[in-house]
Protein backbone atom coordinates (compact mmCIF):
# COMPACT_ATOMS: atom_id res chain seq x y z
CA MET A 1 95.41 114.85 169.83
CA ASP A 2 95.85 112.01 167.43
CA VAL A 3 94.24 113.28 164.42
CA VAL A 4 96.98 116.37 164.30
CA ALA A 5 99.81 113.65 165.15
CA SER A 6 98.43 111.69 161.91
CA ILE A 7 98.31 114.68 159.98
CA LEU A 8 101.79 116.03 160.97
CA GLU A 9 103.38 112.80 160.63
CA GLN A 10 101.89 112.77 156.59
CA SER A 11 103.02 116.08 155.69
CA ALA A 12 106.63 114.63 157.33
CA LYS A 13 106.64 112.02 155.20
CA ASP A 14 105.41 113.89 152.54
CA ALA A 15 108.53 116.70 152.74
CA GLU A 16 110.51 113.67 152.81
CA LYS A 17 109.75 112.90 148.76
CA TYR A 18 111.33 116.67 147.98
CA LYS A 19 115.12 117.00 148.36
CA PRO A 20 115.90 121.20 149.08
CA VAL A 21 116.70 123.53 147.00
CA SER A 22 119.65 124.29 148.51
CA VAL A 23 122.63 122.05 147.52
CA ASN A 24 127.12 122.27 148.72
CA LYS A 25 129.61 121.80 147.02
CA HIS A 26 133.10 121.56 147.76
CA LEU A 27 133.91 123.30 144.60
CA GLU A 28 131.14 125.29 142.84
CA LEU A 29 130.37 124.16 139.52
CA GLU A 30 131.45 125.64 136.44
CA TYR A 31 128.43 127.46 134.36
CA ASP A 32 127.40 127.92 130.54
CA LEU A 33 124.28 129.25 130.73
CA GLY A 34 123.76 130.57 126.72
CA THR A 35 123.79 126.22 126.39
CA ILE A 36 122.24 125.58 129.64
CA LEU A 37 125.43 123.38 130.58
CA ALA A 38 126.80 122.81 134.35
CA ILE A 39 130.91 121.23 134.64
CA ASP A 40 131.14 119.06 138.00
CA ASN A 41 134.94 119.16 138.68
CA ASN A 42 134.71 117.61 142.43
CA GLU A 43 135.54 114.04 142.82
CA LEU A 44 133.44 111.15 142.97
CA ASP A 45 133.07 108.81 146.00
CA THR A 46 134.67 105.56 144.84
CA ARG A 47 132.85 103.81 147.79
CA LYS A 48 129.24 105.07 146.92
CA LEU A 49 130.15 104.44 143.12
CA ARG A 50 131.13 100.70 143.55
CA GLU A 51 128.47 99.95 146.47
CA LYS A 52 125.20 101.72 145.39
CA LYS A 53 126.01 103.07 141.46
CA ASN A 54 122.61 104.09 139.87
CA ASP A 55 121.62 105.11 143.43
CA TYR A 56 124.60 107.72 143.42
CA LEU A 57 124.49 108.58 139.74
CA LEU A 58 120.80 108.92 140.12
CA ASN A 59 121.42 111.89 143.38
CA LEU A 60 124.29 113.66 141.87
CA THR A 61 122.67 114.59 138.95
CA ARG A 62 120.11 115.36 140.91
CA ASP A 63 121.79 117.87 142.68
CA ASN A 64 123.80 119.37 140.04
CA VAL A 65 120.80 119.98 137.75
CA GLN A 66 119.30 121.95 140.80
CA LEU A 67 122.67 123.83 141.14
CA LEU A 68 121.82 124.90 137.11
CA LEU A 69 117.94 125.23 137.35
CA ASN A 70 118.90 127.90 140.29
CA LYS A 71 121.62 129.96 138.42
CA VAL A 72 119.34 130.04 135.57
CA TRP A 73 116.27 131.45 137.80
CA ASP A 74 118.77 134.01 139.09
CA LEU A 75 118.84 135.58 135.53
CA PRO A 76 116.02 138.17 134.69
CA THR A 77 112.13 136.81 133.28
CA GLU A 78 109.37 138.39 131.56
CA GLN A 79 106.01 136.98 131.04
CA ILE A 80 104.94 136.44 127.79
CA ASP A 81 101.73 135.21 126.98
CA GLU A 82 100.99 133.75 130.69
CA ALA A 83 104.03 132.05 130.55
CA ILE A 84 107.42 133.19 132.55
CA VAL A 85 110.29 132.97 130.23
CA VAL A 86 114.35 133.53 131.09
CA LYS A 87 116.06 135.40 128.48
CA LEU A 88 119.36 132.91 127.84
CA PRO A 89 122.93 134.91 127.62
CA PRO A 90 125.40 134.41 124.98
CA SER A 91 126.94 130.98 124.89
CA THR A 92 131.03 130.61 126.04
CA PHE A 93 131.70 127.29 125.39
CA VAL A 94 132.45 125.89 122.12
CA LEU A 95 130.26 122.57 121.59
CA PRO A 96 131.85 119.83 118.67
CA ARG A 97 129.82 119.24 116.09
CA GLY A 98 129.26 115.12 115.45
CA LYS A 99 128.92 116.38 111.75
CA PRO A 100 129.54 119.06 109.28
CA VAL A 101 127.49 122.35 108.93
CA PRO A 102 125.43 121.29 106.13
CA LYS A 103 125.45 123.07 102.63
CA PRO A 104 122.63 125.09 101.51
CA ARG A 105 121.15 123.46 98.48
CA PRO A 106 121.49 124.41 94.83
CA LEU A 107 119.11 126.76 92.65
CA THR A 108 117.25 125.01 90.15
CA LYS A 109 117.20 126.66 86.94
CA TRP A 110 113.94 127.53 87.22
CA GLN A 111 115.04 129.11 90.83
CA GLU A 112 118.18 130.85 89.17
CA PHE A 113 116.00 132.26 86.18
CA ALA A 114 113.00 133.53 88.37
CA LYS A 115 116.29 135.19 90.70
CA LEU A 116 117.65 137.14 87.60
CA LYS A 117 114.54 138.36 86.27
CA GLY A 118 113.04 138.96 89.66
CA ILE A 119 109.89 136.97 89.68
CA GLN A 120 108.86 136.63 92.88
CA LYS A 121 106.17 133.63 94.16
CA LYS A 122 102.65 134.63 94.59
CA LYS A 123 100.69 132.59 97.25
CA LYS A 124 97.13 131.45 94.99
CA GLY A 125 94.70 130.13 96.75
CA LYS A 126 93.54 126.12 95.75
CA LEU A 127 90.15 126.68 94.15
CA SER A 128 90.28 128.86 90.69
CA TRP A 129 86.82 130.09 89.21
CA ASP A 130 86.08 127.94 86.22
CA GLU A 131 84.23 129.98 83.40
CA GLN A 132 82.92 126.92 81.16
CA LEU A 133 82.34 124.67 83.94
CA LYS A 134 80.85 128.10 86.14
CA LYS A 135 82.27 126.63 89.75
CA TRP A 136 85.07 126.78 91.11
CA VAL A 137 87.94 124.08 90.64
CA PRO A 138 90.69 122.97 92.56
CA LEU A 139 93.92 123.50 91.36
CA TYR A 140 95.33 119.88 91.93
CA GLY A 141 94.34 116.46 93.22
CA TYR A 142 91.17 114.20 91.79
CA LYS A 143 88.52 116.40 91.92
CA ARG A 144 91.33 118.44 89.05
CA ALA A 145 91.28 115.34 87.02
CA ALA A 146 87.68 115.25 86.99
CA ALA A 147 86.75 118.83 86.54
CA GLU A 148 89.03 118.45 82.93
CA LYS A 149 87.27 115.06 82.15
CA GLU A 150 83.92 116.99 82.55
CA LYS A 151 85.00 120.13 80.97
CA GLU A 152 86.79 118.37 78.19
CA TRP A 153 84.10 116.18 76.86
CA VAL A 154 84.46 116.78 73.38
CA LEU A 155 87.65 117.45 71.39
CA GLU A 156 87.60 119.33 68.14
CA VAL A 157 90.34 117.59 65.42
CA PRO A 158 92.46 120.18 64.18
CA ASP A 159 92.38 120.77 60.50
CA ASN A 160 96.07 119.02 59.44
CA ALA A 161 95.48 116.01 61.90
CA ASN A 162 94.32 112.83 60.78
CA PRO A 163 90.53 112.79 60.93
CA MET A 164 90.23 109.01 62.04
CA GLU A 165 92.96 109.82 64.71
CA ASP A 166 91.91 109.25 68.51
CA GLN A 167 92.58 112.72 69.94
CA PHE A 168 91.63 111.82 73.66
CA THR A 169 94.49 109.08 73.53
CA LYS A 170 96.96 111.67 71.77
CA ALA A 171 96.63 114.26 74.50
CA LYS A 172 96.99 111.42 76.99
CA THR A 173 100.34 110.86 75.01
CA LEU A 174 101.11 114.22 75.25
CA LYS A 175 100.45 114.75 78.80
CA SER A 176 102.68 111.48 80.23
CA GLU A 177 105.92 112.79 77.74
CA ARG A 178 105.43 116.44 79.80
CA VAL A 179 105.36 114.36 83.13
CA SER A 180 108.42 112.47 81.89
CA LYS A 181 110.41 115.62 80.87
CA ASN A 182 109.28 117.28 84.09
CA GLU A 183 111.21 114.03 85.84
CA LEU A 184 113.56 114.29 83.98
CA GLN A 185 114.91 117.71 84.74
CA ARG A 186 114.08 116.71 87.84
CA MET A 187 116.54 114.23 87.71
CA ARG A 188 118.83 116.72 86.18
CA ASN A 189 118.65 119.02 88.78
CA ILE A 190 119.95 116.37 91.57
CA ALA A 191 122.42 115.31 89.23
CA LYS A 192 123.71 119.21 89.20
CA ALA A 193 123.58 119.13 93.02
CA ARG A 194 125.81 116.30 93.84
CA ASN A 195 128.16 117.11 90.92
CA VAL A 196 127.68 113.96 88.58
CA LYS A 197 127.80 114.73 84.69
CA VAL A 198 124.85 113.28 83.23
CA PRO A 199 125.21 112.67 79.72
CA ARG A 200 122.59 113.95 76.49
CA VAL A 201 119.61 113.04 75.51
CA GLY A 202 119.17 111.24 72.80
CA LEU A 203 121.97 110.10 70.01
CA THR A 204 125.57 111.29 70.84
CA ASN A 205 128.05 113.18 68.85
CA PRO A 206 130.73 111.55 69.05
CA ASP A 207 132.94 114.89 68.05
CA VAL A 208 131.11 116.84 70.69
CA SER A 209 131.20 114.40 73.30
CA SER A 210 134.07 112.47 75.06
CA ALA A 211 134.98 108.92 75.90
CA LYS A 212 133.58 108.96 79.46
CA ASP A 213 130.32 110.33 78.22
CA LEU A 214 129.53 107.74 75.55
CA GLN A 215 130.55 104.86 78.51
CA THR A 216 128.15 106.53 80.66
CA ALA A 217 125.51 106.85 78.12
CA VAL A 218 125.95 103.15 76.93
CA THR A 219 125.87 102.00 80.89
CA VAL A 220 122.99 103.92 81.75
CA ALA A 221 121.09 102.70 78.37
CA ARG A 222 121.61 99.03 78.95
CA SER A 223 120.57 99.07 83.05
CA SER A 224 116.64 101.09 81.83
CA THR A 225 115.65 97.64 80.25
CA ALA A 226 112.97 96.31 82.38
CA SER A 227 115.38 93.22 83.96
CA LEU A 228 117.81 96.12 84.77
CA GLY A 229 120.35 95.02 82.00
CA LYS A 230 120.80 91.83 83.29
CA PHE A 231 119.82 89.88 80.09
CA GLN A 232 121.88 92.42 77.76
CA ASP A 233 124.71 91.66 75.88
CA LYS A 234 128.06 93.86 76.58
CA LEU A 235 129.91 95.14 73.75
CA PRO A 236 133.48 93.78 72.09
CA LYS A 237 135.97 95.55 75.23
CA GLU A 238 133.25 97.31 77.20
CA LYS A 239 134.02 98.82 80.84
CA GLU A 240 131.52 99.90 83.14
CA ALA A 241 131.53 103.37 84.05
CA ARG A 242 131.71 104.76 86.99
CA GLY A 243 130.39 107.62 89.53
CA VAL A 244 126.94 106.71 87.68
CA MET A 245 125.28 105.16 91.04
CA GLU A 246 122.81 107.56 92.03
CA LEU A 247 121.45 107.58 87.46
CA THR A 248 121.60 103.63 87.23
CA PRO A 249 118.29 101.53 88.35
CA GLY A 250 119.55 98.74 90.39
CA ALA A 251 123.05 99.03 90.74
CA THR A 252 124.01 98.38 94.28
CA ARG A 253 127.54 99.45 96.00
CA LYS A 254 130.07 96.59 97.26
CA ARG A 255 131.07 97.27 100.81
CA LYS A 256 134.44 97.36 101.36
CA MET A 257 135.86 95.04 103.80
CA PRO A 258 137.97 96.74 107.12
CA PRO A 259 141.18 97.32 107.04
CA ALA A 260 142.82 93.85 108.39
CA SER A 261 145.30 93.97 111.78
CA SER A 262 148.72 93.13 111.59
CA ASP A 263 148.46 89.73 112.99
CA GLN A 264 145.94 88.96 110.62
CA GLU A 265 147.44 89.74 107.66
CA ARG A 266 150.78 88.08 108.77
CA ARG A 267 148.74 85.17 109.22
CA GLN A 268 146.74 85.30 105.92
CA ASN A 269 150.22 85.84 104.37
CA LEU A 270 151.62 82.82 106.24
CA ASP A 271 148.58 80.75 104.83
CA ILE A 272 149.23 81.54 101.49
CA VAL A 273 152.95 80.83 101.52
CA ASP A 274 151.74 77.28 103.05
CA ALA A 275 149.30 76.52 100.26
CA VAL A 276 151.74 77.25 97.95
CA LEU A 277 155.28 74.86 99.15
CA ASN A 278 152.57 72.55 100.23
CA LYS A 279 150.72 72.29 97.09
CA ARG A 280 150.09 68.83 96.05
CA PRO A 281 147.96 67.21 92.58
CA LYS A 282 144.76 66.54 93.40
CA ILE A 283 144.11 62.74 91.83
CA ASP A 284 141.02 61.27 91.59
CA ILE A 285 141.20 57.80 91.64
CA GLU A 286 137.68 56.59 90.53
CA LYS A 287 138.21 59.04 87.70
CA ALA A 288 142.48 57.41 87.26
CA VAL A 289 140.98 53.79 87.01
CA ALA A 290 137.80 54.12 84.99
CA ARG A 291 140.94 55.60 82.14
CA HIS A 292 142.68 52.89 82.60
CA ILE A 293 140.56 50.24 82.16
CA ASN A 294 138.86 52.24 79.04
CA GLN A 295 142.29 52.25 77.48
CA GLU A 296 143.04 48.09 78.20
CA GLN A 297 139.69 48.01 76.42
CA ILE A 298 140.70 50.44 73.52
CA GLU A 299 143.65 47.96 73.41
CA ARG A 300 142.16 44.82 73.47
CA SER A 301 139.48 45.90 70.41
CA GLU A 302 142.28 46.66 68.25
CA GLU A 303 144.40 43.92 69.05
CA LYS A 304 141.14 41.46 68.21
CA LYS A 305 141.03 43.54 64.99
CA ASN A 306 144.61 42.88 63.73
CA PHE A 307 144.18 39.00 64.25
CA ARG A 308 144.30 37.36 61.11
CA PRO A 309 143.57 33.55 60.44
CA LYS A 310 146.92 31.21 58.91
CA SER A 311 146.36 28.53 56.20
CA GLY A 312 146.82 24.94 56.98
CA LYS A 313 145.69 21.98 57.91
CA LYS A 314 141.89 21.72 58.95
CA GLY A 315 141.26 22.05 62.79
CA ASN A 316 144.67 23.68 63.04
CA ARG A 317 144.33 27.35 62.14
CA THR A 318 146.10 29.86 64.37
CA LYS A 319 145.93 33.58 64.51
CA LYS A 320 149.37 35.90 64.08
CA LEU A 321 149.54 39.47 64.90
CA LYS A 322 149.74 41.63 62.32
CA GLY A 323 153.21 42.75 61.39
CA VAL A 324 154.53 40.13 62.97
CA GLY A 325 156.65 38.35 59.95
CA LYS A 326 154.21 39.45 57.57
CA LYS A 327 153.31 41.33 54.82
CA PRO A 328 150.90 44.42 55.28
CA ALA A 329 147.10 43.25 54.45
CA GLY A 330 145.08 44.44 51.38
CA GLY A 331 143.09 47.51 51.54
CA ARG A 332 144.97 48.70 54.86
CA GLY A 333 146.44 51.90 53.28
CA GLN A 334 147.59 53.11 49.50
CA ARG A 335 151.32 51.94 47.58
CA LYS A 336 153.04 54.58 46.06
CA GLY A 337 152.96 54.18 42.46
CA LYS A 338 149.80 51.68 41.92
CA THR A 339 146.29 52.07 42.00
CA SER A 340 144.82 49.02 43.19
CA VAL A 341 143.10 48.55 46.54
CA GLY A 342 144.47 45.77 48.40
CA ARG A 343 147.07 42.89 47.59
CA LYS A 344 146.89 40.00 45.16
CA ARG A 345 145.86 36.42 46.45
CA ARG A 346 148.29 33.55 45.83
């Protein structure tokens, strides 16, 4: 009997872990099975919500999910590949989108040409048979490059080419030019998709190109250096082109500050008015004293230069300022009508 009682007690404890499938609500939930949505219009128990918030919300969510699954499994079911699935009805509730519907990507020039001519892309295998090497060679990858080197271990010099020219270097340069051309075309496709006008490559024609195209060409050319245009001098009266952020390397967009509130704007305006009305001249005391001392030294040096000795008895010589009761000293200037320099000594 003890064994049976323990088994019954254990089964009762296990049954407590699983809540019943049937749930009773005062008001029936509103369902939209197309989007698997359930709306509960019943009033919340504020007392339980304040005392045991997490437990109350967890139990409420569990009951509503149970009711929603009961409605889902009332729909007709079918078995597909050992799995039982339910076919949902069309949706009736319109869910709002957080972002607009993405637009289809515009076609590139090649895609437009292929669509116009009816060219369809055929799926090719990863390997192709090379008659010269007599083996299967991948269409792309490092093994393809190794196969090209193995096949082109020697190159024929054309009749009209310079016999001293390195044909391997020439082929490598032509390949890099093709890669650059493809990259430029890819950038043009991106600019076309974003409605960005790109100036033509090479020399611009002033008769055909507009001022905006020329301005854009100058801005892009200056920023295409190794320093991203940091050490490039600007032309006189040159302005930065607008709308070329995607084409200009290293360009950073300035973030706009959020609009200020009315209180903050009023405070800023009052600070500006106070700064204007209470503006006082800034006086550098040390600089003013140094300038005053320098001026005094200049005046003393001028006074020393203008003093000259007075003739008289020995030991009773005095100094007098120039220009005070005396004629100007000779050699200090020129007189009208005379070419001699200085004054006649007595």
